[in-house]
């Protein structure tokens, strides 16, 4: 155990995701297990700047493993992007006797942690928390599995209406730069087409696919669209295009939005959060810093934070092939 770390701070930053509370719980209780103090930092980096800290022991995290969102709150801090803001944050950490940080968040949160470490030599470990699953160095991010289950459940309900009225539904899901949610939820919900940023399907191919579906006897169709897909400006533009070229379709659009980020975390996300939280604290106590903890092939691994920030995830090409086969 590294003797210079006597107190660890934990914060959540950026967009919330199911499983963040479970990760907070794991960090707090791992600190207690190793006789290390733990402080929760409220409202992410903005809370660091404003000195918004709270001592946390094992009982402070009772009954939160099943709750979505984050009890520590989250915020995007423009002030932390300035050198003056980061100096305030560092001064507050020193004042509180905090020796290291566990940052639960996504790419932007890790970028801030890297810069903070570079300027002040402050030990940091990242836990990937984002429903988009777009962080390099882990097969799963916290909240991704829960978001998939939420999306599939909603699509199942929408399909009932689509079938009853012979309608075509465009369903937009989150995924500005990555199509993991759209691809996996689309297959899981039996979508006829899946549009993702990584694969430029093109408008002509979309129409061709819909015509084949119609000719094969399908009276209704579901098309899942990642919000970052480049085929059109948005789902409503696609709706207008299809109606113009295929007037036989009654087209509707559903934007699932932030409902994907809420809800009680799945068992998978709770277990993943617990494993990552334990590893984050123990990595710091072993004297390591500037890493992200992640899951690859069911093993907890360490990825340099810089690689996690700069690396790019890729969708599974085999899943794209599977989708093409099972959607005929």
C-alpha atoms as a PDB file:
ATOM      1  CA  UNK A   1       0.000   0.000   0.000  1.00  0.00           C
ATOM      2  CA  UNK A   2       1.281   3.449  -0.884  1.00  0.00           C
ATOM      3  CA  UNK A   3       1.690   5.400   2.376  1.00  0.00           C
ATOM      4  CA  UNK A   4       1.264   8.794   0.716  1.00  0.00           C
ATOM      5  CA  UNK A   5      -2.393   8.173  -0.165  1.00  0.00           C
ATOM      6  CA  UNK A   6      -4.547   8.562   2.914  1.00  0.00           C
ATOM      7  CA  UNK A   7      -7.656  10.062   1.342  1.00  0.00           C
ATOM      8  CA  UNK A   8      -9.271   9.587  -2.068  1.00  0.00           C
ATOM      9  CA  UNK A   9     -11.832  11.837  -3.720  1.00  0.00           C
ATOM     10  CA  UNK A  10     -14.503  10.508  -6.081  1.00  0.00           C
ATOM     11  CA  UNK A  11     -16.572  12.498  -8.567  1.00  0.00           C
ATOM     12  CA  UNK A  12     -18.949  12.000 -11.468  1.00  0.00           C
ATOM     13  CA  UNK A  13     -18.676  14.248 -14.501  1.00  0.00           C
ATOM     14  CA  UNK A  14     -20.378  14.787 -17.859  1.00  0.00           C
ATOM     15  CA  UNK A  15     -23.582  12.984 -18.766  1.00  0.00           C
ATOM     16  CA  UNK A  16     -25.018  10.684 -16.109  1.00  0.00           C
ATOM     17  CA  UNK A  17     -25.365   6.962 -16.726  1.00  0.00           C
ATOM     18  CA  UNK A  18     -26.918   4.033 -14.842  1.00  0.00           C
ATOM     19  CA  UNK A  19     -24.243   2.367 -12.724  1.00  0.00           C
ATOM     20  CA  UNK A  20     -22.510   5.540 -11.575  1.00  0.00           C
ATOM     21  CA  UNK A  21     -23.991   5.178  -8.088  1.00  0.00           C
ATOM     22  CA  UNK A  22     -22.870   1.570  -7.914  1.00  0.00           C
ATOM     23  CA  UNK A  23     -19.347   2.710  -8.822  1.00  0.00           C
ATOM     24  CA  UNK A  24     -19.415   5.444  -6.148  1.00  0.00           C
ATOM     25  CA  UNK A  25     -20.506   2.827  -3.625  1.00  0.00           C
ATOM     26  CA  UNK A  26     -17.658   0.518  -4.612  1.00  0.00           C
ATOM     27  CA  UNK A  27     -15.060   3.293  -4.381  1.00  0.00           C
ATOM     28  CA  UNK A  28     -16.265   4.430  -0.943  1.00  0.00           C
ATOM     29  CA  UNK A  29     -16.400   0.923   0.503  1.00  0.00           C
ATOM     30  CA  UNK A  30     -13.051  -0.134  -0.986  1.00  0.00           C
ATOM     31  CA  UNK A  31     -11.491   2.900   0.681  1.00  0.00           C
ATOM     32  CA  UNK A  32     -13.058   1.839   3.988  1.00  0.00           C
ATOM     33  CA  UNK A  33     -11.867  -1.748   3.503  1.00  0.00           C
ATOM     34  CA  UNK A  34      -8.288  -0.484   3.123  1.00  0.00           C
ATOM     35  CA  UNK A  35      -8.629   2.039   5.987  1.00  0.00           C
ATOM     36  CA  UNK A  36      -8.453   4.999   3.614  1.00  0.00           C
ATOM     37  CA  UNK A  37     -10.669   8.068   3.932  1.00  0.00           C
ATOM     38  CA  UNK A  38     -12.997   8.963   1.065  1.00  0.00           C
ATOM     39  CA  UNK A  39     -14.574  12.263   0.090  1.00  0.00           C
ATOM     40  CA  UNK A  40     -17.368  12.730  -2.415  1.00  0.00           C
ATOM     41  CA  UNK A  41     -17.000  15.705  -4.743  1.00  0.00           C
ATOM     42  CA  UNK A  42     -20.381  17.142  -5.676  1.00  0.00           C
ATOM     43  CA  UNK A  43     -21.098  18.457  -9.199  1.00  0.00           C
ATOM     44  CA  UNK A  44     -17.906  17.178 -10.777  1.00  0.00           C
ATOM     45  CA  UNK A  45     -15.080  19.568 -11.544  1.00  0.00           C
ATOM     46  CA  UNK A  46     -17.256  22.566 -10.721  1.00  0.00           C
ATOM     47  CA  UNK A  47     -17.650  21.181  -7.214  1.00  0.00           C
ATOM     48  CA  UNK A  48     -13.882  20.872  -6.930  1.00  0.00           C
ATOM     49  CA  UNK A  49     -13.538  24.540  -7.801  1.00  0.00           C
ATOM     50  CA  UNK A  50     -16.207  25.574  -5.293  1.00  0.00           C
ATOM     51  CA  UNK A  51     -15.032  23.242  -2.532  1.00  0.00           C
ATOM     52  CA  UNK A  52     -18.207  21.176  -2.483  1.00  0.00           C
ATOM     53  CA  UNK A  53     -16.954  18.066  -0.646  1.00  0.00           C
ATOM     54  CA  UNK A  54     -18.521  15.563   1.742  1.00  0.00           C
ATOM     55  CA  UNK A  55     -16.844  12.862   3.809  1.00  0.00           C
ATOM     56  CA  UNK A  56     -18.245   9.448   2.855  1.00  0.00           C
ATOM     57  CA  UNK A  57     -18.133   6.207   4.785  1.00  0.00           C
ATOM     58  CA  UNK A  58     -19.705   2.793   4.086  1.00  0.00           C
ATOM     59  CA  UNK A  59     -23.131   3.792   5.434  1.00  0.00           C
ATOM     60  CA  UNK A  60     -23.209   6.947   3.289  1.00  0.00           C
ATOM     61  CA  UNK A  61     -23.716   4.757   0.230  1.00  0.00           C
ATOM     62  CA  UNK A  62     -26.457   2.488   1.561  1.00  0.00           C
ATOM     63  CA  UNK A  63     -29.243   1.620  -0.888  1.00  0.00           C
ATOM     64  CA  UNK A  64     -27.802   3.402  -3.923  1.00  0.00           C
ATOM     65  CA  UNK A  65     -26.607   0.419  -5.985  1.00  0.00           C
ATOM     66  CA  UNK A  66     -30.070   0.153  -7.577  1.00  0.00           C
ATOM     67  CA  UNK A  67     -30.515   3.847  -8.350  1.00  0.00           C
ATOM     68  CA  UNK A  68     -29.897   5.514 -11.712  1.00  0.00           C
ATOM     69  CA  UNK A  69     -28.223   8.888 -12.093  1.00  0.00           C
ATOM     70  CA  UNK A  70     -25.586   9.960  -9.574  1.00  0.00           C
ATOM     71  CA  UNK A  71     -25.979  10.994  -5.930  1.00  0.00           C
ATOM     72  CA  UNK A  72     -22.896  13.198  -6.342  1.00  0.00           C
ATOM     73  CA  UNK A  73     -24.606  15.114  -9.158  1.00  0.00           C
ATOM     74  CA  UNK A  74     -22.842  16.040 -12.365  1.00  0.00           C
ATOM     75  CA  UNK A  75     -22.021  19.240 -14.206  1.00  0.00           C
ATOM     76  CA  UNK A  76     -20.021  20.493 -17.159  1.00  0.00           C
ATOM     77  CA  UNK A  77     -17.568  23.110 -15.903  1.00  0.00           C
ATOM     78  CA  UNK A  78     -16.339  25.826 -18.254  1.00  0.00           C
ATOM     79  CA  UNK A  79     -14.319  27.286 -15.387  1.00  0.00           C
ATOM     80  CA  UNK A  80     -12.315  24.061 -15.082  1.00  0.00           C
ATOM     81  CA  UNK A  81     -11.196  24.599 -18.674  1.00  0.00           C
ATOM     82  CA  UNK A  82      -9.234  27.635 -17.490  1.00  0.00           C
ATOM     83  CA  UNK A  83      -5.884  27.524 -15.695  1.00  0.00           C
ATOM     84  CA  UNK A  84      -7.255  29.699 -12.904  1.00  0.00           C
ATOM     85  CA  UNK A  85     -10.170  27.329 -12.350  1.00  0.00           C
ATOM     86  CA  UNK A  86      -7.904  24.298 -12.140  1.00  0.00           C
ATOM     87  CA  UNK A  87      -5.666  26.097  -9.624  1.00  0.00           C
ATOM     88  CA  UNK A  88      -8.710  26.708  -7.411  1.00  0.00           C
ATOM     89  CA  UNK A  89      -9.684  23.044  -7.695  1.00  0.00           C
ATOM     90  CA  UNK A  90      -6.184  21.889  -6.746  1.00  0.00           C
ATOM     91  CA  UNK A  91      -6.016  24.247  -3.792  1.00  0.00           C
ATOM     92  CA  UNK A  92      -9.322  22.897  -2.492  1.00  0.00           C
ATOM     93  CA  UNK A  93      -8.165  19.293  -2.806  1.00  0.00           C
ATOM     94  CA  UNK A  94      -4.993  20.083  -0.877  1.00  0.00           C
ATOM     95  CA  UNK A  95      -7.016  21.927   1.770  1.00  0.00           C
ATOM     96  CA  UNK A  96      -9.265  18.877   2.193  1.00  0.00           C
ATOM     97  CA  UNK A  97      -6.270  16.541   2.441  1.00  0.00           C
ATOM     98  CA  UNK A  98      -7.310  14.614  -0.671  1.00  0.00           C
ATOM     99  CA  UNK A  99      -4.344  12.787  -2.199  1.00  0.00           C
ATOM    100  CA  UNK A 100      -5.880  11.203  -5.320  1.00  0.00           C
ATOM    101  CA  UNK A 101      -9.002  11.257  -7.494  1.00  0.00           C
ATOM    102  CA  UNK A 102     -11.303   8.681  -9.033  1.00  0.00           C
ATOM    103  CA  UNK A 103     -13.128  10.282 -11.969  1.00  0.00           C
ATOM    104  CA  UNK A 104     -16.265   8.558 -13.243  1.00  0.00           C
ATOM    105  CA  UNK A 105     -17.239   9.884 -16.675  1.00  0.00           C
ATOM    106  CA  UNK A 106     -16.488   9.890 -20.360  1.00  0.00           C
ATOM    107  CA  UNK A 107     -13.986  11.283 -22.826  1.00  0.00           C
ATOM    108  CA  UNK A 108     -14.311  14.919 -21.764  1.00  0.00           C
ATOM    109  CA  UNK A 109     -14.002  14.041 -18.092  1.00  0.00           C
ATOM    110  CA  UNK A 110     -10.844  12.020 -18.748  1.00  0.00           C
ATOM    111  CA  UNK A 111      -9.357  14.853 -20.812  1.00  0.00           C
ATOM    112  CA  UNK A 112      -9.807  17.153 -17.810  1.00  0.00           C
ATOM    113  CA  UNK A 113      -8.258  14.565 -15.487  1.00  0.00           C
ATOM    114  CA  UNK A 114      -5.228  14.187 -17.771  1.00  0.00           C
ATOM    115  CA  UNK A 115      -4.640  17.928 -17.884  1.00  0.00           C
ATOM    116  CA  UNK A 116      -5.059  18.214 -14.126  1.00  0.00           C
ATOM    117  CA  UNK A 117      -2.475  15.485 -13.570  1.00  0.00           C
ATOM    118  CA  UNK A 118      -0.063  17.065 -16.014  1.00  0.00           C
ATOM    119  CA  UNK A 119      -0.244  20.471 -14.332  1.00  0.00           C
ATOM    120  CA  UNK A 120      -0.177  19.380 -10.692  1.00  0.00           C
ATOM    121  CA  UNK A 121       1.082  15.788 -10.702  1.00  0.00           C
ATOM    122  CA  UNK A 122      -2.147  14.805  -8.977  1.00  0.00           C
ATOM    123  CA  UNK A 123      -2.885  11.032  -9.074  1.00  0.00           C
ATOM    124  CA  UNK A 124      -6.048  10.186 -11.061  1.00  0.00           C
ATOM    125  CA  UNK A 125      -7.840   7.025 -12.167  1.00  0.00           C
ATOM    126  CA  UNK A 126     -10.786   6.986 -14.570  1.00  0.00           C
ATOM    127  CA  UNK A 127     -13.888   4.795 -14.556  1.00  0.00           C
ATOM    128  CA  UNK A 128     -15.750   4.861 -17.914  1.00  0.00           C
ATOM    129  CA  UNK A 129     -19.343   5.996 -17.405  1.00  0.00           C
ATOM    130  CA  UNK A 130     -21.343   6.724 -20.560  1.00  0.00           C
ATOM    131  CA  UNK A 131     -24.248   4.943 -22.228  1.00  0.00           C
ATOM    132  CA  UNK A 132     -22.696   5.387 -25.698  1.00  0.00           C
ATOM    133  CA  UNK A 133     -19.981   2.742 -25.080  1.00  0.00           C
ATOM    134  CA  UNK A 134     -17.583   4.958 -27.009  1.00  0.00           C
ATOM    135  CA  UNK A 135     -14.509   4.817 -24.746  1.00  0.00           C
ATOM    136  CA  UNK A 136     -11.393   3.037 -26.000  1.00  0.00           C
ATOM    137  CA  UNK A 137      -9.938   0.403 -23.667  1.00  0.00           C
ATOM    138  CA  UNK A 138     -13.092  -1.300 -22.464  1.00  0.00           C
ATOM    139  CA  UNK A 139     -15.701  -3.548 -24.052  1.00  0.00           C
ATOM    140  CA  UNK A 140     -18.438  -2.052 -21.877  1.00  0.00           C
ATOM    141  CA  UNK A 141     -18.919   1.350 -20.253  1.00  0.00           C
ATOM    142  CA  UNK A 142     -21.174   1.898 -17.253  1.00  0.00           C
ATOM    143  CA  UNK A 143     -24.762   2.380 -18.343  1.00  0.00           C
ATOM    144  CA  UNK A 144     -24.458   0.901 -21.802  1.00  0.00           C
ATOM    145  CA  UNK A 145     -26.121  -2.404 -20.986  1.00  0.00           C
ATOM    146  CA  UNK A 146     -28.961  -0.666 -19.151  1.00  0.00           C
ATOM    147  CA  UNK A 147     -29.492   1.743 -22.043  1.00  0.00           C
ATOM    148  CA  UNK A 148     -29.682  -1.165 -24.494  1.00  0.00           C
ATOM    149  CA  UNK A 149     -32.369  -2.847 -22.415  1.00  0.00           C
ATOM    150  CA  UNK A 150     -34.309   0.413 -22.175  1.00  0.00           C
ATOM    151  CA  UNK A 151     -34.185   0.970 -25.935  1.00  0.00           C
ATOM    152  CA  UNK A 152     -35.217  -2.592 -26.778  1.00  0.00           C
ATOM    153  CA  UNK A 153     -38.160  -2.384 -24.367  1.00  0.00           C
ATOM    154  CA  UNK A 154     -39.360   0.861 -25.956  1.00  0.00           C
ATOM    155  CA  UNK A 155     -38.961  -0.447 -29.515  1.00  0.00           C
ATOM    156  CA  UNK A 156     -40.973  -3.540 -28.574  1.00  0.00           C
ATOM    157  CA  UNK A 157     -43.831  -1.257 -27.515  1.00  0.00           C
ATOM    158  CA  UNK A 158     -43.552   0.901 -30.635  1.00  0.00           C
ATOM    159  CA  UNK A 159     -43.650  -2.206 -32.840  1.00  0.00           C
ATOM    160  CA  UNK A 160     -47.099  -3.027 -31.442  1.00  0.00           C
ATOM    161  CA  UNK A 161     -48.373   0.281 -32.804  1.00  0.00           C
ATOM    162  CA  UNK A 162     -46.433  -0.058 -36.070  1.00  0.00           C
ATOM    163  CA  UNK A 163     -47.982  -3.471 -36.714  1.00  0.00           C
ATOM    164  CA  UNK A 164     -51.482  -2.330 -35.787  1.00  0.00           C
ATOM    165  CA  UNK A 165     -51.442   0.585 -38.234  1.00  0.00           C
ATOM    166  CA  UNK A 166     -49.101  -0.690 -40.974  1.00  0.00           C
ATOM    167  CA  UNK A 167     -46.640   2.084 -40.237  1.00  0.00           C
ATOM    168  CA  UNK A 168     -42.941   2.717 -40.752  1.00  0.00           C
ATOM    169  CA  UNK A 169     -41.217   4.071 -37.636  1.00  0.00           C
ATOM    170  CA  UNK A 170     -37.897   5.883 -37.554  1.00  0.00           C
ATOM    171  CA  UNK A 171     -36.582   5.549 -34.001  1.00  0.00           C
ATOM    172  CA  UNK A 172     -33.647   7.761 -33.098  1.00  0.00           C
ATOM    173  CA  UNK A 173     -31.379   6.607 -30.276  1.00  0.00           C
ATOM    174  CA  UNK A 174     -28.347   8.212 -28.659  1.00  0.00           C
ATOM    175  CA  UNK A 175     -24.965   7.800 -30.307  1.00  0.00           C
ATOM    176  CA  UNK A 176     -23.527  11.036 -31.679  1.00  0.00           C
ATOM    177  CA  UNK A 177     -20.214   9.503 -32.741  1.00  0.00           C
ATOM    178  CA  UNK A 178     -20.775   5.783 -32.219  1.00  0.00           C
ATOM    179  CA  UNK A 179     -23.495   3.396 -33.314  1.00  0.00           C
ATOM    180  CA  UNK A 180     -23.170   0.750 -30.598  1.00  0.00           C
ATOM    181  CA  UNK A 181     -26.613   1.370 -29.082  1.00  0.00           C
ATOM    182  CA  UNK A 182     -28.356   1.517 -32.455  1.00  0.00           C
ATOM    183  CA  UNK A 183     -26.654  -1.598 -33.828  1.00  0.00           C
ATOM    184  CA  UNK A 184     -27.122  -3.855 -30.811  1.00  0.00           C
ATOM    185  CA  UNK A 185     -30.599  -2.616 -29.862  1.00  0.00           C
ATOM    186  CA  UNK A 186     -31.654  -2.779 -33.513  1.00  0.00           C
ATOM    187  CA  UNK A 187     -30.685  -6.435 -33.756  1.00  0.00           C
ATOM    188  CA  UNK A 188     -32.192  -7.200 -30.360  1.00  0.00           C
ATOM    189  CA  UNK A 189     -35.494  -5.558 -31.289  1.00  0.00           C
ATOM    190  CA  UNK A 190     -35.648  -7.018 -34.795  1.00  0.00           C
ATOM    191  CA  UNK A 191     -35.303  -3.750 -36.720  1.00  0.00           C
ATOM    192  CA  UNK A 192     -35.577  -3.887 -40.503  1.00  0.00           C
ATOM    193  CA  UNK A 193     -32.779  -1.341 -40.938  1.00  0.00           C
ATOM    194  CA  UNK A 194     -30.107   0.193 -38.684  1.00  0.00           C
ATOM    195  CA  UNK A 195     -28.397   3.485 -39.523  1.00  0.00           C
ATOM    196  CA  UNK A 196     -25.113   4.265 -37.734  1.00  0.00           C
ATOM    197  CA  UNK A 197     -22.341   6.874 -38.160  1.00  0.00           C
ATOM    198  CA  UNK A 198     -19.735   4.208 -38.971  1.00  0.00           C
ATOM    199  CA  UNK A 199     -21.613   2.942 -42.047  1.00  0.00           C
ATOM    200  CA  UNK A 200     -22.895   5.408 -44.660  1.00  0.00           C
ATOM    201  CA  UNK A 201     -25.860   3.474 -45.987  1.00  0.00           C
ATOM    202  CA  UNK A 202     -27.056   6.173 -48.355  1.00  0.00           C
ATOM    203  CA  UNK A 203     -30.606   7.205 -49.174  1.00  0.00           C
ATOM    204  CA  UNK A 204     -30.919   5.013 -52.247  1.00  0.00           C
ATOM    205  CA  UNK A 205     -29.985   1.866 -50.368  1.00  0.00           C
ATOM    206  CA  UNK A 206     -32.432   2.760 -47.605  1.00  0.00           C
ATOM    207  CA  UNK A 207     -35.259   3.064 -50.116  1.00  0.00           C
ATOM    208  CA  UNK A 208     -34.195  -0.169 -51.798  1.00  0.00           C
ATOM    209  CA  UNK A 209     -34.233  -1.960 -48.452  1.00  0.00           C
ATOM    210  CA  UNK A 210     -37.676  -0.640 -47.568  1.00  0.00           C
ATOM    211  CA  UNK A 211     -39.029  -1.663 -50.972  1.00  0.00           C
ATOM    212  CA  UNK A 212     -37.652  -5.194 -50.510  1.00  0.00           C
ATOM    213  CA  UNK A 213     -39.284  -5.366 -47.077  1.00  0.00           C
ATOM    214  CA  UNK A 214     -42.582  -4.266 -48.578  1.00  0.00           C
ATOM    215  CA  UNK A 215     -42.310  -6.761 -51.423  1.00  0.00           C
ATOM    216  CA  UNK A 216     -41.525  -9.599 -49.020  1.00  0.00           C
ATOM    217  CA  UNK A 217     -44.848  -9.057 -47.295  1.00  0.00           C
ATOM    218  CA  UNK A 218     -43.890  -6.824 -44.388  1.00  0.00           C
ATOM    219  CA  UNK A 219     -46.703  -4.399 -43.658  1.00  0.00           C
ATOM    220  CA  UNK A 220     -44.739  -2.393 -41.081  1.00  0.00           C
ATOM    221  CA  UNK A 221     -41.080  -1.642 -40.476  1.00  0.00           C
ATOM    222  CA  UNK A 222     -38.773  -0.317 -37.773  1.00  0.00           C
ATOM    223  CA  UNK A 223     -35.660   1.663 -38.684  1.00  0.00           C
ATOM    224  CA  UNK A 224     -33.284   2.441 -35.798  1.00  0.00           C
ATOM    225  CA  UNK A 225     -31.112   5.523 -36.284  1.00  0.00           C
ATOM    226  CA  UNK A 226     -28.110   6.624 -34.231  1.00  0.00           C
ATOM    227  CA  UNK A 227     -28.345  10.380 -33.703  1.00  0.00           C
ATOM    228  CA  UNK A 228     -24.953  10.839 -35.377  1.00  0.00           C
ATOM    229  CA  UNK A 229     -25.841   8.976 -38.561  1.00  0.00           C
ATOM    230  CA  UNK A 230     -24.810  10.948 -41.654  1.00  0.00           C
ATOM    231  CA  UNK A 231     -27.483   9.737 -44.073  1.00  0.00           C
ATOM    232  CA  UNK A 232     -29.688  12.750 -43.336  1.00  0.00           C
ATOM    233  CA  UNK A 233     -29.684  15.874 -41.202  1.00  0.00           C
ATOM    234  CA  UNK A 234     -32.149  14.264 -38.815  1.00  0.00           C
ATOM    235  CA  UNK A 235     -34.855  11.625 -38.555  1.00  0.00           C
ATOM    236  CA  UNK A 236     -37.565  14.054 -39.640  1.00  0.00           C
ATOM    237  CA  UNK A 237     -35.703  14.799 -42.881  1.00  0.00           C
ATOM    238  CA  UNK A 238     -35.547  11.058 -43.550  1.00  0.00           C
ATOM    239  CA  UNK A 239     -39.262  10.799 -42.874  1.00  0.00           C
ATOM    240  CA  UNK A 240     -40.005  13.472 -45.482  1.00  0.00           C
ATOM    241  CA  UNK A 241     -37.696  11.829 -48.007  1.00  0.00           C
ATOM    242  CA  UNK A 242     -39.294   8.394 -47.622  1.00  0.00           C
ATOM    243  CA  UNK A 243     -42.837   9.781 -47.774  1.00  0.00           C
ATOM    244  CA  UNK A 244     -41.957  11.653 -50.949  1.00  0.00           C
ATOM    245  CA  UNK A 245     -40.519   8.552 -52.631  1.00  0.00           C
ATOM    246  CA  UNK A 246     -42.725   5.890 -51.050  1.00  0.00           C
ATOM    247  CA  UNK A 247     -46.145   7.475 -50.465  1.00  0.00           C
ATOM    248  CA  UNK A 248     -47.589   4.069 -49.617  1.00  0.00           C
ATOM    249  CA  UNK A 249     -45.831   4.267 -46.232  1.00  0.00           C
ATOM    250  CA  UNK A 250     -47.387   6.016 -43.226  1.00  0.00           C
ATOM    251  CA  UNK A 251     -44.193   7.246 -41.525  1.00  0.00           C
ATOM    252  CA  UNK A 252     -43.719   8.224 -37.880  1.00  0.00           C
ATOM    253  CA  UNK A 253     -40.671   9.417 -35.927  1.00  0.00           C
ATOM    254  CA  UNK A 254     -39.834   8.690 -32.281  1.00  0.00           C
ATOM    255  CA  UNK A 255     -36.853  10.411 -30.634  1.00  0.00           C
ATOM    256  CA  UNK A 256     -36.057   8.419 -27.503  1.00  0.00           C
ATOM    257  CA  UNK A 257     -33.779  11.099 -26.033  1.00  0.00           C
ATOM    258  CA  UNK A 258     -32.790  11.209 -22.396  1.00  0.00           C
ATOM    259  CA  UNK A 259     -35.022   8.358 -21.273  1.00  0.00           C
ATOM    260  CA  UNK A 260     -32.111   6.171 -22.412  1.00  0.00           C
ATOM    261  CA  UNK A 261     -29.869   7.634 -19.708  1.00  0.00           C
ATOM    262  CA  UNK A 262     -32.214   7.012 -16.792  1.00  0.00           C
ATOM    263  CA  UNK A 263     -33.564   4.066 -14.900  1.00  0.00           C
ATOM    264  CA  UNK A 264     -32.350   1.442 -12.482  1.00  0.00           C
ATOM    265  CA  UNK A 265     -29.072  -0.123 -13.679  1.00  0.00           C
ATOM    266  CA  UNK A 266     -29.087  -3.689 -14.943  1.00  0.00           C
ATOM    267  CA  UNK A 267     -27.391  -6.425 -12.936  1.00  0.00           C
ATOM    268  CA  UNK A 268     -24.549  -6.388 -15.465  1.00  0.00           C
ATOM    269  CA  UNK A 269     -23.926  -2.669 -14.907  1.00  0.00           C
ATOM    270  CA  UNK A 270     -24.083  -3.056 -11.121  1.00  0.00           C
ATOM    271  CA  UNK A 271     -21.513  -5.849 -11.134  1.00  0.00           C
ATOM    272  CA  UNK A 272     -19.294  -4.026 -13.648  1.00  0.00           C
ATOM    273  CA  UNK A 273     -19.418  -0.828 -11.568  1.00  0.00           C
ATOM    274  CA  UNK A 274     -18.484  -2.759  -8.436  1.00  0.00           C
ATOM    275  CA  UNK A 275     -15.510  -4.422 -10.137  1.00  0.00           C
ATOM    276  CA  UNK A 276     -14.261  -1.185 -11.677  1.00  0.00           C
ATOM    277  CA  UNK A 277     -14.663   0.783  -8.432  1.00  0.00           C
ATOM    278  CA  UNK A 278     -12.614  -1.731  -6.445  1.00  0.00           C
ATOM    279  CA  UNK A 279      -9.896  -1.830  -9.104  1.00  0.00           C
ATOM    280  CA  UNK A 280      -9.737   1.989  -9.347  1.00  0.00           C
ATOM    281  CA  UNK A 281      -8.982   2.419  -5.638  1.00  0.00           C
ATOM    282  CA  UNK A 282      -6.560  -0.486  -5.449  1.00  0.00           C
ATOM    283  CA  UNK A 283      -4.711   0.782  -8.530  1.00  0.00           C
ATOM    284  CA  UNK A 284      -4.110   4.095  -6.762  1.00  0.00           C
ATOM    285  CA  UNK A 285      -3.007   2.345  -3.570  1.00  0.00           C
ATOM    286  CA  UNK A 286      -0.503   0.329  -5.618  1.00  0.00           C
ATOM    287  CA  UNK A 287       1.088   3.636  -6.657  1.00  0.00           C
ATOM    288  CA  UNK A 288      -0.303   3.813 -10.204  1.00  0.00           C
ATOM    289  CA  UNK A 289      -1.934   6.849 -11.809  1.00  0.00           C
ATOM    290  CA  UNK A 290      -3.218   8.136 -15.141  1.00  0.00           C
ATOM    291  CA  UNK A 291      -5.045   4.934 -16.020  1.00  0.00           C
ATOM    292  CA  UNK A 292      -8.616   4.033 -16.878  1.00  0.00           C
ATOM    293  CA  UNK A 293     -10.009   0.784 -15.529  1.00  0.00           C
ATOM    294  CA  UNK A 294     -12.033  -1.211 -18.041  1.00  0.00           C
ATOM    295  CA  UNK A 295     -13.371  -4.640 -18.947  1.00  0.00           C
ATOM    296  CA  UNK A 296     -11.966  -6.702 -21.842  1.00  0.00           C
ATOM    297  CA  UNK A 297     -12.783 -10.409 -22.278  1.00  0.00           C
ATOM    298  CA  UNK A 298     -14.313 -10.370 -18.792  1.00  0.00           C
ATOM    299  CA  UNK A 299     -11.030  -9.264 -17.220  1.00  0.00           C
ATOM    300  CA  UNK A 300     -10.459  -5.904 -15.530  1.00  0.00           C
ATOM    301  CA  UNK A 301      -7.627  -4.144 -17.350  1.00  0.00           C
ATOM    302  CA  UNK A 302      -5.776  -0.838 -17.158  1.00  0.00           C
ATOM    303  CA  UNK A 303      -5.516   1.492 -20.158  1.00  0.00           C
ATOM    304  CA  UNK A 304      -3.431   4.688 -20.060  1.00  0.00           C
ATOM    305  CA  UNK A 305      -5.847   7.616 -19.819  1.00  0.00           C
ATOM    306  CA  UNK A 306      -4.239   9.252 -22.840  1.00  0.00           C
ATOM    307  CA  UNK A 307      -4.984   6.164 -24.939  1.00  0.00           C
ATOM    308  CA  UNK A 308      -8.549   6.055 -23.649  1.00  0.00           C
ATOM    309  CA  UNK A 309      -9.034   9.684 -24.699  1.00  0.00           C
ATOM    310  CA  UNK A 310      -7.332   9.468 -28.098  1.00  0.00           C
ATOM    311  CA  UNK A 311      -8.350   5.941 -29.085  1.00  0.00           C
ATOM    312  CA  UNK A 312     -11.427   5.222 -31.196  1.00  0.00           C
ATOM    313  CA  UNK A 313     -13.892   2.415 -30.656  1.00  0.00           C
ATOM    314  CA  UNK A 314     -15.189   0.423 -33.614  1.00  0.00           C
ATOM    315  CA  UNK A 315     -18.475  -1.322 -34.152  1.00  0.00           C
ATOM    316  CA  UNK A 316     -18.410  -5.070 -34.612  1.00  0.00           C
ATOM    317  CA  UNK A 317     -18.464  -5.736 -38.372  1.00  0.00           C
ATOM    318  CA  UNK A 318     -19.838  -9.204 -37.705  1.00  0.00           C
ATOM    319  CA  UNK A 319     -22.893  -7.634 -36.050  1.00  0.00           C
ATOM    320  CA  UNK A 320     -23.497  -5.569 -39.181  1.00  0.00           C
ATOM    321  CA  UNK A 321     -23.383  -8.774 -41.258  1.00  0.00           C
ATOM    322  CA  UNK A 322     -25.740 -10.493 -38.824  1.00  0.00           C
ATOM    323  CA  UNK A 323     -28.141  -7.565 -39.022  1.00  0.00           C
ATOM    324  CA  UNK A 324     -28.237  -7.749 -42.816  1.00  0.00           C
ATOM    325  CA  UNK A 325     -29.021 -11.476 -42.704  1.00  0.00           C
ATOM    326  CA  UNK A 326     -31.713 -11.561 -40.023  1.00  0.00           C
ATOM    327  CA  UNK A 327     -33.597  -8.483 -41.223  1.00  0.00           C
ATOM    328  CA  UNK A 328     -34.716  -9.894 -44.609  1.00  0.00           C
END
